[in-house]
Amino acid sequence: MQVRINVDHWTPAGRRRSQPLYSAFVRNEFLGKECVIKGVDRETVERKSIDKLNAWALQESNGRARVNAEAAFEGSL
């Protein structure tokens, strides 16, 4: 799993930051969830992003299994 990390050296007001701000946008279409993870350390942002995506992948797997079980139950009626 690869995460795209953005780096920003400028504030919204156009001033130079003393240290860059790293951010990653992560999304899970099945769950309808998304978030932006920010930090001053690239490795931390990448690790937190991957952790979030892994947690969502587990939730998605459980959700898909539940949907399939419900569909199988309704099909047997």
Protein backbone atom coordinates (compact mmCIF):
# COMPACT_ATOMS: atom_id res chain seq x y z
CA MET A 1 0.00 0.00 0.00
CA GLN A 2 1.45 3.32 -0.98
CA VAL A 3 0.45 6.73 0.33
CA ARG A 4 1.04 9.99 -1.50
CA ILE A 5 2.56 12.58 0.84
CA ASN A 6 2.31 16.29 0.04
CA VAL A 7 4.76 18.83 1.43
CA ASP A 8 3.93 22.49 2.00
CA HIS A 9 6.59 25.11 2.74
CA TRP A 10 4.19 28.06 2.78
CA THR A 11 1.40 29.14 5.14
CA PRO A 12 -2.05 30.02 3.74
CA ALA A 13 -1.06 33.70 4.21
CA GLY A 14 1.94 33.21 1.91
CA ARG A 15 4.68 33.21 4.53
CA ARG A 16 7.50 30.67 4.57
CA ARG A 17 7.12 28.00 7.28
CA SER A 18 10.00 27.42 9.69
CA GLN A 19 9.64 23.72 8.92
CA PRO A 20 7.62 22.02 6.18
CA LEU A 21 4.16 20.61 6.83
CA TYR A 22 3.47 17.13 5.45
CA SER A 23 -0.03 15.89 4.71
CA ALA A 24 -1.77 12.88 3.20
CA PHE A 25 -5.37 12.53 2.05
CA VAL A 26 -6.77 9.04 2.64
CA ARG A 27 -10.16 7.67 1.59
CA ASN A 28 -12.20 4.47 1.71
CA GLU A 29 -14.99 4.46 -0.87
CA PHE A 30 -16.89 1.48 0.59
CA LEU A 31 -17.13 3.03 4.06
CA GLY A 32 -17.58 6.56 2.74
CA LYS A 33 -14.79 7.81 5.00
CA GLU A 34 -11.96 10.20 4.28
CA CYS A 35 -9.49 12.27 6.27
CA VAL A 36 -6.37 14.39 5.99
CA ILE A 37 -3.43 13.46 8.16
CA LYS A 38 -0.90 16.23 8.84
CA GLY A 39 2.41 16.44 10.62
CA VAL A 40 5.90 17.91 10.60
CA ASP A 41 7.58 14.52 10.03
CA ARG A 42 7.12 12.67 6.73
CA GLU A 43 7.58 9.19 8.21
CA THR A 44 4.99 9.80 10.93
CA VAL A 45 2.40 11.02 8.42
CA GLU A 46 3.07 8.01 6.20
CA ARG A 47 2.83 5.55 9.12
CA LYS A 48 -0.40 7.11 10.45
CA SER A 49 -1.90 7.07 6.95
CA ILE A 50 -1.09 3.40 6.44
CA ASP A 51 -2.43 2.56 9.90
CA LYS A 52 -5.68 4.38 9.11
CA LEU A 53 -6.03 2.62 5.74
CA ASN A 54 -5.38 -0.78 7.35
CA ALA A 55 -8.01 -0.12 10.03
CA TRP A 56 -10.52 0.90 7.38
CA ALA A 57 -9.65 -2.18 5.29
CA LEU A 58 -10.56 -4.38 8.26
CA GLN A 59 -13.85 -2.51 8.73
CA GLU A 60 -14.55 -2.86 5.00
CA SER A 61 -13.84 -6.59 5.11
CA ASN A 62 -16.23 -7.04 8.03
CA GLY A 63 -18.86 -4.90 6.31
CA ARG A 64 -18.64 -6.82 3.05
CA ALA A 65 -18.88 -10.14 4.92
CA ARG A 66 -21.99 -8.90 6.72
CA VAL A 67 -23.59 -7.74 3.44
CA ASN A 68 -22.80 -11.10 1.81
CA ALA A 69 -24.23 -13.03 4.78
CA GLU A 70 -27.42 -10.97 4.69
CA ALA A 71 -27.76 -11.51 0.93
CA ALA A 72 -27.27 -15.27 1.37
CA PHE A 73 -29.88 -15.36 4.14
CA GLU A 74 -32.41 -13.45 2.05
CA GLY A 75 -31.70 -15.70 -0.93
CA SER A 76 -32.48 -18.82 1.10
CA LEU A 77 -35.99 -17.63 2.04
